[in-house]
Amino acid sequence: MRHQPRILFVCARNLWRSPTAEAMYRDDSRVEARSAGVSEAARRRLGAADLDWADLVLVMEREHKRRIVETFGHHDLPSIESLEIPDDYQYGDEELQALIRAGSEPLIERLLDEGEPS
């Protein structure tokens, strides 16, 4: 049996944006979710094991994708998409949640559709 798609949310310091996204999708029966940060000062720093775990990485800004590719480019990377959400929000902010949902849902639906037998 195939596992639920695994979504890794990434921001810089893993303080506001990616933990909000992880919390939003933590109890979503369609996916497994986790979060990390690319900064040296991240609360939970991104590692190779996170990338091995993930089917899809959703970064908050293009800069985060660039840092992942720069640091882990030698690695077999999963698909990485940017949600283009600036660091202007606090944890759990309603507008932040709306932006995360608007950016994530089409990508999650596409991932789910790819996993279905034809």
PDB file of N, CA and C in Angstrom:
ATOM      1  N   MET A   1       0.838  -1.185   0.000  1.00  0.00           N
ATOM      2  CA  MET A   1       0.000   0.000   0.000  1.00  0.00           C
ATOM      3  C   MET A   1       0.887   1.254   0.000  1.00  0.00           C
ATOM      4  N   ARG A   2       0.584   2.191  -0.880  1.00  0.00           N
ATOM      5  CA  ARG A   2       1.347   3.430  -0.977  1.00  0.00           C
ATOM      6  C   ARG A   2       0.997   4.345   0.192  1.00  0.00           C
ATOM      7  N   HIS A   3       2.007   5.023   0.700  1.00  0.00           N
ATOM      8  CA  HIS A   3       1.790   5.962   1.806  1.00  0.00           C
ATOM      9  C   HIS A   3       1.050   7.205   1.317  1.00  0.00           C
ATOM     10  N   GLN A   4       0.498   7.924   2.264  1.00  0.00           N
ATOM     11  CA  GLN A   4      -0.091   9.223   1.936  1.00  0.00           C
ATOM     12  C   GLN A   4       1.028  10.120   1.429  1.00  0.00           C
ATOM     13  N   PRO A   5       0.716  11.016   0.499  1.00  0.00           N
ATOM     14  CA  PRO A   5       1.753  11.944   0.050  1.00  0.00           C
ATOM     15  C   PRO A   5       2.301  12.747   1.234  1.00  0.00           C
ATOM     16  N   ARG A   6       3.597  12.951   1.200  1.00  0.00           N
ATOM     17  CA  ARG A   6       4.289  13.652   2.289  1.00  0.00           C
ATOM     18  C   ARG A   6       4.693  15.043   1.825  1.00  0.00           C
ATOM     19  N   ILE A   7       4.177  16.042   2.535  1.00  0.00           N
ATOM     20  CA  ILE A   7       4.422  17.437   2.186  1.00  0.00           C
ATOM     21  C   ILE A   7       5.346  18.058   3.231  1.00  0.00           C
ATOM     22  N   LEU A   8       6.435  18.640   2.770  1.00  0.00           N
ATOM     23  CA  LEU A   8       7.372  19.328   3.640  1.00  0.00           C
ATOM     24  C   LEU A   8       7.252  20.829   3.372  1.00  0.00           C
ATOM     25  N   PHE A   9       6.870  21.577   4.391  1.00  0.00           N
ATOM     26  CA  PHE A   9       6.767  23.031   4.291  1.00  0.00           C
ATOM     27  C   PHE A   9       8.056  23.647   4.823  1.00  0.00           C
ATOM     28  N   VAL A  10       8.622  24.591   4.061  1.00  0.00           N
ATOM     29  CA  VAL A  10       9.914  25.160   4.422  1.00  0.00           C
ATOM     30  C   VAL A  10       9.864  26.683   4.360  1.00  0.00           C
ATOM     31  N   CYS A  11      10.386  27.308   5.412  1.00  0.00           N
ATOM     32  CA  CYS A  11      10.616  28.753   5.405  1.00  0.00           C
ATOM     33  C   CYS A  11      12.038  28.978   5.919  1.00  0.00           C
ATOM     34  N   ALA A  12      12.344  30.177   6.340  1.00  0.00           N
ATOM     35  CA  ALA A  12      13.715  30.453   6.764  1.00  0.00           C
ATOM     36  C   ALA A  12      14.015  29.885   8.151  1.00  0.00           C
ATOM     37  N   ARG A  13      13.312  30.385   9.159  1.00  0.00           N
ATOM     38  CA  ARG A  13      13.657  30.021  10.535  1.00  0.00           C
ATOM     39  C   ARG A  13      12.695  29.028  11.173  1.00  0.00           C
ATOM     40  N   ASN A  14      11.694  28.580  10.438  1.00  0.00           N
ATOM     41  CA  ASN A  14      10.728  27.606  10.946  1.00  0.00           C
ATOM     42  C   ASN A  14      10.050  28.125  12.214  1.00  0.00           C
ATOM     43  N   LEU A  15       9.658  29.406  12.155  1.00  0.00           N
ATOM     44  CA  LEU A  15       8.993  30.011  13.311  1.00  0.00           C
ATOM     45  C   LEU A  15       7.519  30.312  13.054  1.00  0.00           C
ATOM     46  N   TRP A  16       7.184  30.905  11.898  1.00  0.00           N
ATOM     47  CA  TRP A  16       5.815  31.361  11.671  1.00  0.00           C
ATOM     48  C   TRP A  16       5.139  30.658  10.496  1.00  0.00           C
ATOM     49  N   ARG A  17       5.717  30.794   9.304  1.00  0.00           N
ATOM     50  CA  ARG A  17       5.021  30.328   8.103  1.00  0.00           C
ATOM     51  C   ARG A  17       4.967  28.812   7.984  1.00  0.00           C
ATOM     52  N   SER A  18       6.117  28.154   7.972  1.00  0.00           N
ATOM     53  CA  SER A  18       6.078  26.700   7.776  1.00  0.00           C
ATOM     54  C   SER A  18       5.430  25.963   8.951  1.00  0.00           C
ATOM     55  N   PRO A  19       5.618  26.371  10.216  1.00  0.00           N
ATOM     56  CA  PRO A  19       4.879  25.696  11.285  1.00  0.00           C
ATOM     57  C   PRO A  19       3.363  25.908  11.188  1.00  0.00           C
ATOM     58  N   THR A  20       2.941  27.089  10.707  1.00  0.00           N
ATOM     59  CA  THR A  20       1.509  27.312  10.497  1.00  0.00           C
ATOM     60  C   THR A  20       0.984  26.333   9.461  1.00  0.00           C
ATOM     61  N   ALA A  21       1.713  26.181   8.355  1.00  0.00           N
ATOM     62  CA  ALA A  21       1.296  25.250   7.305  1.00  0.00           C
ATOM     63  C   ALA A  21       1.264  23.813   7.822  1.00  0.00           C
ATOM     64  N   GLU A  22       2.290  23.425   8.565  1.00  0.00           N
ATOM     65  CA  GLU A  22       2.317  22.079   9.128  1.00  0.00           C
ATOM     66  C   GLU A  22       1.107  21.849  10.027  1.00  0.00           C
ATOM     67  N   ALA A  23       0.797  22.813  10.884  1.00  0.00           N
ATOM     68  CA  ALA A  23      -0.354  22.674  11.785  1.00  0.00           C
ATOM     69  C   ALA A  23      -1.664  22.574  11.000  1.00  0.00           C
ATOM     70  N   MET A  24      -1.773  23.324   9.920  1.00  0.00           N
ATOM     71  CA  MET A  24      -2.990  23.293   9.100  1.00  0.00           C
ATOM     72  C   MET A  24      -3.216  21.917   8.475  1.00  0.00           C
ATOM     73  N   TYR A  25      -2.140  21.258   8.076  1.00  0.00           N
ATOM     74  CA  TYR A  25      -2.259  19.983   7.354  1.00  0.00           C
ATOM     75  C   TYR A  25      -1.937  18.764   8.220  1.00  0.00           C
ATOM     76  N   ARG A  26      -1.605  18.984   9.468  1.00  0.00           N
ATOM     77  CA  ARG A  26      -1.225  17.879  10.364  1.00  0.00           C
ATOM     78  C   ARG A  26      -2.328  16.820  10.464  1.00  0.00           C
ATOM     79  N   ASP A  27      -3.565  17.245  10.570  1.00  0.00           N
ATOM     80  CA  ASP A  27      -4.681  16.308  10.739  1.00  0.00           C
ATOM     81  C   ASP A  27      -5.470  16.094   9.448  1.00  0.00           C
ATOM     82  N   ASP A  28      -4.895  16.487   8.317  1.00  0.00           N
ATOM     83  CA  ASP A  28      -5.534  16.295   7.017  1.00  0.00           C
ATOM     84  C   ASP A  28      -5.307  14.838   6.598  1.00  0.00           C
ATOM     85  N   SER A  29      -6.370  14.083   6.432  1.00  0.00           N
ATOM     86  CA  SER A  29      -6.249  12.650   6.143  1.00  0.00           C
ATOM     87  C   SER A  29      -5.659  12.364   4.764  1.00  0.00           C
ATOM     88  N   ARG A  30      -5.555  13.373   3.920  1.00  0.00           N
ATOM     89  CA  ARG A  30      -5.010  13.161   2.572  1.00  0.00           C
ATOM     90  C   ARG A  30      -3.492  13.105   2.542  1.00  0.00           C
ATOM     91  N   VAL A  31      -2.838  13.778   3.498  1.00  0.00           N
ATOM     92  CA  VAL A  31      -1.387  13.938   3.433  1.00  0.00           C
ATOM     93  C   VAL A  31      -0.746  13.807   4.809  1.00  0.00           C
ATOM     94  N   GLU A  32       0.565  13.630   4.798  1.00  0.00           N
ATOM     95  CA  GLU A  32       1.380  13.775   6.006  1.00  0.00           C
ATOM     96  C   GLU A  32       2.127  15.090   5.844  1.00  0.00           C
ATOM     97  N   ALA A  33       2.316  15.827   6.931  1.00  0.00           N
ATOM     98  CA  ALA A  33       2.966  17.132   6.842  1.00  0.00           C
ATOM     99  C   ALA A  33       4.033  17.276   7.910  1.00  0.00           C
ATOM    100  N   ARG A  34       5.057  18.030   7.535  1.00  0.00           N
ATOM    101  CA  ARG A  34       6.143  18.355   8.455  1.00  0.00           C
ATOM    102  C   ARG A  34       6.710  19.696   8.003  1.00  0.00           C
ATOM    103  N   SER A  35       7.487  20.344   8.862  1.00  0.00           N
ATOM    104  CA  SER A  35       8.075  21.630   8.482  1.00  0.00           C
ATOM    105  C   SER A  35       9.512  21.732   8.961  1.00  0.00           C
ATOM    106  N   ALA A  36      10.246  22.635   8.305  1.00  0.00           N
ATOM    107  CA  ALA A  36      11.647  22.873   8.652  1.00  0.00           C
ATOM    108  C   ALA A  36      12.047  24.245   8.114  1.00  0.00           C
ATOM    109  N   GLY A  37      13.239  24.686   8.505  1.00  0.00           N
ATOM    110  CA  GLY A  37      13.765  25.956   8.034  1.00  0.00           C
ATOM    111  C   GLY A  37      15.134  25.796   7.416  1.00  0.00           C
ATOM    112  N   VAL A  38      15.486  26.698   6.506  1.00  0.00           N
ATOM    113  CA  VAL A  38      16.778  26.619   5.822  1.00  0.00           C
ATOM    114  C   VAL A  38      17.880  27.419   6.507  1.00  0.00           C
ATOM    115  N   SER A  39      17.521  28.274   7.448  1.00  0.00           N
ATOM    116  CA  SER A  39      18.493  29.122   8.130  1.00  0.00           C
ATOM    117  C   SER A  39      19.268  28.338   9.196  1.00  0.00           C
ATOM    118  N   GLU A  40      20.493  28.787   9.432  1.00  0.00           N
ATOM    119  CA  GLU A  40      21.292  28.200  10.516  1.00  0.00           C
ATOM    120  C   GLU A  40      20.584  28.384  11.858  1.00  0.00           C
ATOM    121  N   ALA A  41      19.774  29.439  11.956  1.00  0.00           N
ATOM    122  CA  ALA A  41      19.073  29.755  13.200  1.00  0.00           C
ATOM    123  C   ALA A  41      17.670  29.141  13.268  1.00  0.00           C
ATOM    124  N   ALA A  42      17.362  28.236  12.358  1.00  0.00           N
ATOM    125  CA  ALA A  42      16.019  27.645  12.311  1.00  0.00           C
ATOM    126  C   ALA A  42      15.717  26.855  13.580  1.00  0.00           C
ATOM    127  N   ARG A  43      14.472  26.945  14.002  1.00  0.00           N
ATOM    128  CA  ARG A  43      14.014  26.171  15.160  1.00  0.00           C
ATOM    129  C   ARG A  43      14.175  24.681  14.864  1.00  0.00           C
ATOM    130  N   ARG A  44      13.794  24.251  13.688  1.00  0.00           N
ATOM    131  CA  ARG A  44      14.017  22.878  13.219  1.00  0.00           C
ATOM    132  C   ARG A  44      14.650  23.002  11.846  1.00  0.00           C
ATOM    133  N   ARG A  45      15.920  22.675  11.755  1.00  0.00           N
ATOM    134  CA  ARG A  45      16.688  22.897  10.530  1.00  0.00           C
ATOM    135  C   ARG A  45      16.481  21.759   9.524  1.00  0.00           C
ATOM    136  N   LEU A  46      16.319  22.148   8.276  1.00  0.00           N
ATOM    137  CA  LEU A  46      16.135  21.205   7.184  1.00  0.00           C
ATOM    138  C   LEU A  46      17.361  20.310   7.043  1.00  0.00           C
ATOM    139  N   GLY A  47      17.123  19.014   6.876  1.00  0.00           N
ATOM    140  CA  GLY A  47      18.204  18.066   6.663  1.00  0.00           C
ATOM    141  C   GLY A  47      17.901  17.131   5.513  1.00  0.00           C
ATOM    142  N   ALA A  48      18.875  16.363   5.108  1.00  0.00           N
ATOM    143  CA  ALA A  48      18.704  15.427   3.997  1.00  0.00           C
ATOM    144  C   ALA A  48      17.593  14.419   4.274  1.00  0.00           C
ATOM    145  N   ALA A  49      17.432  14.003   5.519  1.00  0.00           N
ATOM    146  CA  ALA A  49      16.380  13.040   5.860  1.00  0.00           C
ATOM    147  C   ALA A  49      14.993  13.617   5.580  1.00  0.00           C
ATOM    148  N   ASP A  50      14.819  14.925   5.772  1.00  0.00           N
ATOM    149  CA  ASP A  50      13.535  15.562   5.461  1.00  0.00           C
ATOM    150  C   ASP A  50      13.250  15.476   3.966  1.00  0.00           C
ATOM    151  N   LEU A  51      14.270  15.719   3.173  1.00  0.00           N
ATOM    152  CA  LEU A  51      14.097  15.672   1.718  1.00  0.00           C
ATOM    153  C   LEU A  51      13.855  14.244   1.240  1.00  0.00           C
ATOM    154  N   ASP A  52      14.494  13.278   1.874  1.00  0.00           N
ATOM    155  CA  ASP A  52      14.241  11.866   1.545  1.00  0.00           C
ATOM    156  C   ASP A  52      12.794  11.486   1.885  1.00  0.00           C
ATOM    157  N   TRP A  53      12.276  12.033   2.957  1.00  0.00           N
ATOM    158  CA  TRP A  53      10.925  11.740   3.431  1.00  0.00           C
ATOM    159  C   TRP A  53       9.866  12.337   2.509  1.00  0.00           C
ATOM    160  N   ALA A  54      10.110  13.529   1.976  1.00  0.00           N
ATOM    161  CA  ALA A  54       9.096  14.313   1.273  1.00  0.00           C
ATOM    162  C   ALA A  54       8.834  13.849  -0.157  1.00  0.00           C
ATOM    163  N   ASP A  55       7.555  13.934  -0.539  1.00  0.00           N
ATOM    164  CA  ASP A  55       7.156  13.765  -1.939  1.00  0.00           C
ATOM    165  C   ASP A  55       7.075  15.123  -2.631  1.00  0.00           C
ATOM    166  N   LEU A  56       6.811  16.157  -1.834  1.00  0.00           N
ATOM    167  CA  LEU A  56       6.673  17.519  -2.348  1.00  0.00           C
ATOM    168  C   LEU A  56       7.171  18.484  -1.280  1.00  0.00           C
ATOM    169  N   VAL A  57       8.006  19.430  -1.697  1.00  0.00           N
ATOM    170  CA  VAL A  57       8.484  20.472  -0.795  1.00  0.00           C
ATOM    171  C   VAL A  57       7.832  21.781  -1.216  1.00  0.00           C
ATOM    172  N   LEU A  58       7.156  22.425  -0.275  1.00  0.00           N
ATOM    173  CA  LEU A  58       6.541  23.719  -0.530  1.00  0.00           C
ATOM    174  C   LEU A  58       7.292  24.765   0.275  1.00  0.00           C
ATOM    175  N   VAL A  59       8.061  25.584  -0.437  1.00  0.00           N
ATOM    176  CA  VAL A  59       8.827  26.651   0.209  1.00  0.00           C
ATOM    177  C   VAL A  59       8.000  27.926   0.194  1.00  0.00           C
ATOM    178  N   MET A  60       8.290  28.807   1.122  1.00  0.00           N
ATOM    179  CA  MET A  60       7.529  30.052   1.210  1.00  0.00           C
ATOM    180  C   MET A  60       8.030  31.117   0.240  1.00  0.00           C
ATOM    181  N   GLU A  61       9.315  31.037  -0.141  1.00  0.00           N
ATOM    182  CA  GLU A  61       9.901  32.010  -1.059  1.00  0.00           C
ATOM    183  C   GLU A  61      10.893  31.300  -1.985  1.00  0.00           C
ATOM    184  N   ARG A  62      11.092  31.863  -3.180  1.00  0.00           N
ATOM    185  CA  ARG A  62      12.046  31.275  -4.135  1.00  0.00           C
ATOM    186  C   ARG A  62      13.447  31.150  -3.543  1.00  0.00           C
ATOM    187  N   GLU A  63      13.803  32.084  -2.677  1.00  0.00           N
ATOM    188  CA  GLU A  63      15.124  32.044  -2.034  1.00  0.00           C
ATOM    189  C   GLU A  63      15.318  30.748  -1.250  1.00  0.00           C
ATOM    190  N   HIS A  64      14.259  30.242  -0.646  1.00  0.00           N
ATOM    191  CA  HIS A  64      14.366  28.987   0.117  1.00  0.00           C
ATOM    192  C   HIS A  64      14.655  27.824  -0.822  1.00  0.00           C
ATOM    193  N   LYS A  65      14.028  27.820  -1.986  1.00  0.00           N
ATOM    194  CA  LYS A  65      14.303  26.766  -2.976  1.00  0.00           C
ATOM    195  C   LYS A  65      15.763  26.855  -3.419  1.00  0.00           C
ATOM    196  N   ARG A  66      16.222  28.084  -3.684  1.00  0.00           N
ATOM    197  CA  ARG A  66      17.609  28.257  -4.117  1.00  0.00           C
ATOM    198  C   ARG A  66      18.572  27.701  -3.072  1.00  0.00           C
ATOM    199  N   ARG A  67      18.290  27.973  -1.800  1.00  0.00           N
ATOM    200  CA  ARG A  67      19.168  27.487  -0.732  1.00  0.00           C
ATOM    201  C   ARG A  67      19.133  25.962  -0.626  1.00  0.00           C
ATOM    202  N   ILE A  68      17.968  25.367  -0.833  1.00  0.00           N
ATOM    203  CA  ILE A  68      17.870  23.904  -0.800  1.00  0.00           C
ATOM    204  C   ILE A  68      18.691  23.306  -1.935  1.00  0.00           C
ATOM    205  N   VAL A  69      18.519  23.836  -3.136  1.00  0.00           N
ATOM    206  CA  VAL A  69      19.244  23.305  -4.296  1.00  0.00           C
ATOM    207  C   VAL A  69      20.746  23.508  -4.111  1.00  0.00           C
ATOM    208  N   GLU A  70      21.134  24.666  -3.593  1.00  0.00           N
ATOM    209  CA  GLU A  70      22.550  24.955  -3.366  1.00  0.00           C
ATOM    210  C   GLU A  70      23.155  23.995  -2.330  1.00  0.00           C
ATOM    211  N   THR A  71      22.422  23.723  -1.265  1.00  0.00           N
ATOM    212  CA  THR A  71      22.940  22.888  -0.181  1.00  0.00           C
ATOM    213  C   THR A  71      22.813  21.398  -0.476  1.00  0.00           C
ATOM    214  N   PHE A  72      21.697  21.002  -1.105  1.00  0.00           N
ATOM    215  CA  PHE A  72      21.407  19.580  -1.287  1.00  0.00           C
ATOM    216  C   PHE A  72      21.323  19.181  -2.757  1.00  0.00           C
ATOM    217  N   GLY A  73      21.898  19.979  -3.647  1.00  0.00           N
ATOM    218  CA  GLY A  73      21.803  19.728  -5.082  1.00  0.00           C
ATOM    219  C   GLY A  73      22.334  18.377  -5.519  1.00  0.00           C
ATOM    220  N   HIS A  74      23.257  17.828  -4.770  1.00  0.00           N
ATOM    221  CA  HIS A  74      23.820  16.512  -5.072  1.00  0.00           C
ATOM    222  C   HIS A  74      22.835  15.396  -4.710  1.00  0.00           C
ATOM    223  N   HIS A  75      21.804  15.754  -3.973  1.00  0.00           N
ATOM    224  CA  HIS A  75      20.797  14.822  -3.461  1.00  0.00           C
ATOM    225  C   HIS A  75      19.707  14.614  -4.518  1.00  0.00           C
ATOM    226  N   ASP A  76      19.010  13.500  -4.457  1.00  0.00           N
ATOM    227  CA  ASP A  76      17.855  13.269  -5.315  1.00  0.00           C
ATOM    228  C   ASP A  76      16.683  14.044  -4.706  1.00  0.00           C
ATOM    229  N   LEU A  77      16.436  15.247  -5.211  1.00  0.00           N
ATOM    230  CA  LEU A  77      15.451  16.141  -4.604  1.00  0.00           C
ATOM    231  C   LEU A  77      14.033  15.860  -5.094  1.00  0.00           C
ATOM    232  N   PRO A  78      13.062  15.957  -4.186  1.00  0.00           N
ATOM    233  CA  PRO A  78      11.665  15.877  -4.621  1.00  0.00           C
ATOM    234  C   PRO A  78      11.294  17.180  -5.335  1.00  0.00           C
ATOM    235  N   SER A  79      10.107  17.227  -5.876  1.00  0.00           N
ATOM    236  CA  SER A  79       9.608  18.454  -6.490  1.00  0.00           C
ATOM    237  C   SER A  79       9.566  19.561  -5.437  1.00  0.00           C
ATOM    238  N   ILE A  80      10.026  20.758  -5.825  1.00  0.00           N
ATOM    239  CA  ILE A  80      10.033  21.910  -4.919  1.00  0.00           C
ATOM    240  C   ILE A  80       9.263  23.037  -5.593  1.00  0.00           C
ATOM    241  N   GLU A  81       8.227  23.524  -4.929  1.00  0.00           N
ATOM    242  CA  GLU A  81       7.397  24.613  -5.449  1.00  0.00           C
ATOM    243  C   GLU A  81       7.392  25.756  -4.447  1.00  0.00           C
ATOM    244  N   SER A  82       7.370  26.987  -4.949  1.00  0.00           N
ATOM    245  CA  SER A  82       7.336  28.149  -4.068  1.00  0.00           C
ATOM    246  C   SER A  82       5.915  28.701  -3.963  1.00  0.00           C
ATOM    247  N   LEU A  83       5.495  28.957  -2.733  1.00  0.00           N
ATOM    248  CA  LEU A  83       4.177  29.544  -2.485  1.00  0.00           C
ATOM    249  C   LEU A  83       4.212  31.070  -2.549  1.00  0.00           C
ATOM    250  N   GLU A  84       5.402  31.667  -2.560  1.00  0.00           N
ATOM    251  CA  GLU A  84       5.577  33.120  -2.648  1.00  0.00           C
ATOM    252  C   GLU A  84       4.816  33.859  -1.551  1.00  0.00           C
ATOM    253  N   ILE A  85       5.057  33.446  -0.316  1.00  0.00           N
ATOM    254  CA  ILE A  85       4.431  34.079   0.849  1.00  0.00           C
ATOM    255  C   ILE A  85       5.529  34.806   1.625  1.00  0.00           C
ATOM    256  N   PRO A  86       5.444  36.144   1.696  1.00  0.00           N
ATOM    257  CA  PRO A  86       6.484  36.907   2.389  1.00  0.00           C
ATOM    258  C   PRO A  86       6.435  36.690   3.901  1.00  0.00           C
ATOM    259  N   ASP A  87       7.527  37.041   4.531  1.00  0.00           N
ATOM    260  CA  ASP A  87       7.658  36.874   5.988  1.00  0.00           C
ATOM    261  C   ASP A  87       7.019  38.061   6.709  1.00  0.00           C
ATOM    262  N   ASP A  88       5.700  38.225   6.500  1.00  0.00           N
ATOM    263  CA  ASP A  88       4.961  39.362   7.054  1.00  0.00           C
ATOM    264  C   ASP A  88       3.903  38.943   8.066  1.00  0.00           C
ATOM    265  N   TYR A  89       3.913  37.683   8.474  1.00  0.00           N
ATOM    266  CA  TYR A  89       2.813  37.160   9.281  1.00  0.00           C
ATOM    267  C   TYR A  89       3.333  36.467  10.535  1.00  0.00           C
ATOM    268  N   GLN A  90       2.485  36.446  11.549  1.00  0.00           N
ATOM    269  CA  GLN A  90       2.765  35.715  12.778  1.00  0.00           C
ATOM    270  C   GLN A  90       2.179  34.303  12.652  1.00  0.00           C
ATOM    271  N   TYR A  91       2.598  33.428  13.530  1.00  0.00           N
ATOM    272  CA  TYR A  91       2.090  32.050  13.548  1.00  0.00           C
ATOM    273  C   TYR A  91       0.560  32.054  13.634  1.00  0.00           C
ATOM    274  N   GLY A  92      -0.081  31.302  12.759  1.00  0.00           N
ATOM    275  CA  GLY A  92      -1.522  31.112  12.811  1.00  0.00           C
ATOM    276  C   GLY A  92      -2.355  32.247  12.246  1.00  0.00           C
ATOM    277  N   ASP A  93      -1.727  33.309  11.755  1.00  0.00           N
ATOM    278  CA  ASP A  93      -2.448  34.451  11.201  1.00  0.00           C
ATOM    279  C   ASP A  93      -3.456  33.968  10.142  1.00  0.00           C
ATOM    280  N   GLU A  94      -4.677  34.491  10.203  1.00  0.00           N
ATOM    281  CA  GLU A  94      -5.734  34.049   9.278  1.00  0.00           C
ATOM    282  C   GLU A  94      -5.380  34.322   7.824  1.00  0.00           C
ATOM    283  N   GLU A  95      -4.790  35.484   7.545  1.00  0.00           N
ATOM    284  CA  GLU A  95      -4.394  35.788   6.164  1.00  0.00           C
ATOM    285  C   GLU A  95      -3.294  34.833   5.703  1.00  0.00           C
ATOM    286  N   LEU A  96      -2.360  34.533   6.590  1.00  0.00           N
ATOM    287  CA  LEU A  96      -1.311  33.566   6.268  1.00  0.00           C
ATOM    288  C   LEU A  96      -1.929  32.215   5.937  1.00  0.00           C
ATOM    289  N   GLN A  97      -2.874  31.770   6.736  1.00  0.00           N
ATOM    290  CA  GLN A  97      -3.533  30.484   6.470  1.00  0.00           C
ATOM    291  C   GLN A  97      -4.237  30.491   5.118  1.00  0.00           C
ATOM    292  N   ALA A  98      -4.890  31.589   4.784  1.00  0.00           N
ATOM    293  CA  ALA A  98      -5.576  31.682   3.491  1.00  0.00           C
ATOM    294  C   ALA A  98      -4.570  31.600   2.340  1.00  0.00           C
ATOM    295  N   LEU A  99      -3.428  32.277   2.477  1.00  0.00           N
ATOM    296  CA  LEU A  99      -2.399  32.223   1.436  1.00  0.00           C
ATOM    297  C   LEU A  99      -1.807  30.821   1.309  1.00  0.00           C
ATOM    298  N   ILE A 100      -1.565  30.177   2.430  1.00  0.00           N
ATOM    299  CA  ILE A 100      -1.024  28.811   2.405  1.00  0.00           C
ATOM    300  C   ILE A 100      -2.006  27.877   1.717  1.00  0.00           C
ATOM    301  N   ARG A 101      -3.272  27.961   2.094  1.00  0.00           N
ATOM    302  CA  ARG A 101      -4.286  27.095   1.503  1.00  0.00           C
ATOM    303  C   ARG A 101      -4.419  27.353  -0.001  1.00  0.00           C
ATOM    304  N   ALA A 102      -4.468  28.622  -0.402  1.00  0.00           N
ATOM    305  CA  ALA A 102      -4.613  28.966  -1.824  1.00  0.00           C
ATOM    306  C   ALA A 102      -3.443  28.446  -2.654  1.00  0.00           C
ATOM    307  N   GLY A 103      -2.237  28.521  -2.113  1.00  0.00           N
ATOM    308  CA  GLY A 103      -1.072  28.044  -2.850  1.00  0.00           C
ATOM    309  C   GLY A 103      -0.883  26.543  -2.790  1.00  0.00           C
ATOM    310  N   SER A 104      -1.210  25.941  -1.659  1.00  0.00           N
ATOM    311  CA  SER A 104      -0.947  24.515  -1.445  1.00  0.00           C
ATOM    312  C   SER A 104      -1.979  23.600  -2.090  1.00  0.00           C
ATOM    313  N   GLU A 105      -3.244  23.965  -1.990  1.00  0.00           N
ATOM    314  CA  GLU A 105      -4.312  23.053  -2.430  1.00  0.00           C
ATOM    315  C   GLU A 105      -4.171  22.584  -3.878  1.00  0.00           C
ATOM    316  N   PRO A 106      -3.927  23.473  -4.854  1.00  0.00           N
ATOM    317  CA  PRO A 106      -3.775  22.970  -6.229  1.00  0.00           C
ATOM    318  C   PRO A 106      -2.602  21.997  -6.377  1.00  0.00           C
ATOM    319  N   LEU A 107      -1.519  22.262  -5.656  1.00  0.00           N
ATOM    320  CA  LEU A 107      -0.342  21.388  -5.739  1.00  0.00           C
ATOM    321  C   LEU A 107      -0.600  20.055  -5.047  1.00  0.00           C
ATOM    322  N   ILE A 108      -1.298  20.075  -3.937  1.00  0.00           N
ATOM    323  CA  ILE A 108      -1.654  18.839  -3.248  1.00  0.00           C
ATOM    324  C   ILE A 108      -2.620  18.022  -4.093  1.00  0.00           C
ATOM    325  N   GLU A 109      -3.613  18.677  -4.674  1.00  0.00           N
ATOM    326  CA  GLU A 109      -4.572  17.969  -5.535  1.00  0.00           C
ATOM    327  C   GLU A 109      -3.857  17.318  -6.714  1.00  0.00           C
ATOM    328  N   ARG A 110      -2.910  18.037  -7.316  1.00  0.00           N
ATOM    329  CA  ARG A 110      -2.139  17.479  -8.435  1.00  0.00           C
ATOM    330  C   ARG A 110      -1.351  16.253  -7.979  1.00  0.00           C
ATOM    331  N   LEU A 111      -0.735  16.354  -6.810  1.00  0.00           N
ATOM    332  CA  LEU A 111       0.034  15.237  -6.260  1.00  0.00           C
ATOM    333  C   LEU A 111      -0.875  14.032  -5.994  1.00  0.00           C
ATOM    334  N   LEU A 112      -2.050  14.286  -5.450  1.00  0.00           N
ATOM    335  CA  LEU A 112      -3.001  13.203  -5.185  1.00  0.00           C
ATOM    336  C   LEU A 112      -3.472  12.562  -6.482  1.00  0.00           C
ATOM    337  N   ASP A 113      -3.726  13.376  -7.497  1.00  0.00           N
ATOM    338  CA  ASP A 113      -4.176  12.855  -8.794  1.00  0.00           C
ATOM    339  C   ASP A 113      -3.099  11.981  -9.435  1.00  0.00           C
ATOM    340  N   GLU A 114      -1.837  12.375  -9.282  1.00  0.00           N
ATOM    341  CA  GLU A 114      -0.713  11.606  -9.848  1.00  0.00           C
ATOM    342  C   GLU A 114      -0.598  10.240  -9.201  1.00  0.00           C
ATOM    343  N   GLY A 115      -0.996  10.132  -7.937  1.00  0.00           N
ATOM    344  CA  GLY A 115      -0.872   8.870  -7.208  1.00  0.00           C
ATOM    345  C   GLY A 115      -2.002   7.893  -7.462  1.00  0.00           C
ATOM    346  N   GLU A 116      -3.080   8.349  -8.111  1.00  0.00           N
ATOM    347  CA  GLU A 116      -4.228   7.475  -8.345  1.00  0.00           C
ATOM    348  C   GLU A 116      -3.967   6.566  -9.545  1.00  0.00           C
ATOM    349  N   PRO A 117      -4.423   5.305  -9.447  1.00  0.00           N
ATOM    350  CA  PRO A 117      -4.253   4.393 -10.584  1.00  0.00           C
ATOM    351  C   PRO A 117      -5.112   4.854 -11.758  1.00  0.00           C
ATOM    352  N   SER A 118      -4.583   4.618 -12.977  1.00  0.00           N
ATOM    353  CA  SER A 118      -5.353   5.056 -14.150  1.00  0.00           C
ATOM    354  C   SER A 118      -6.306   4.007 -14.632  1.00  0.00           C
TER     355      SER A 118
END
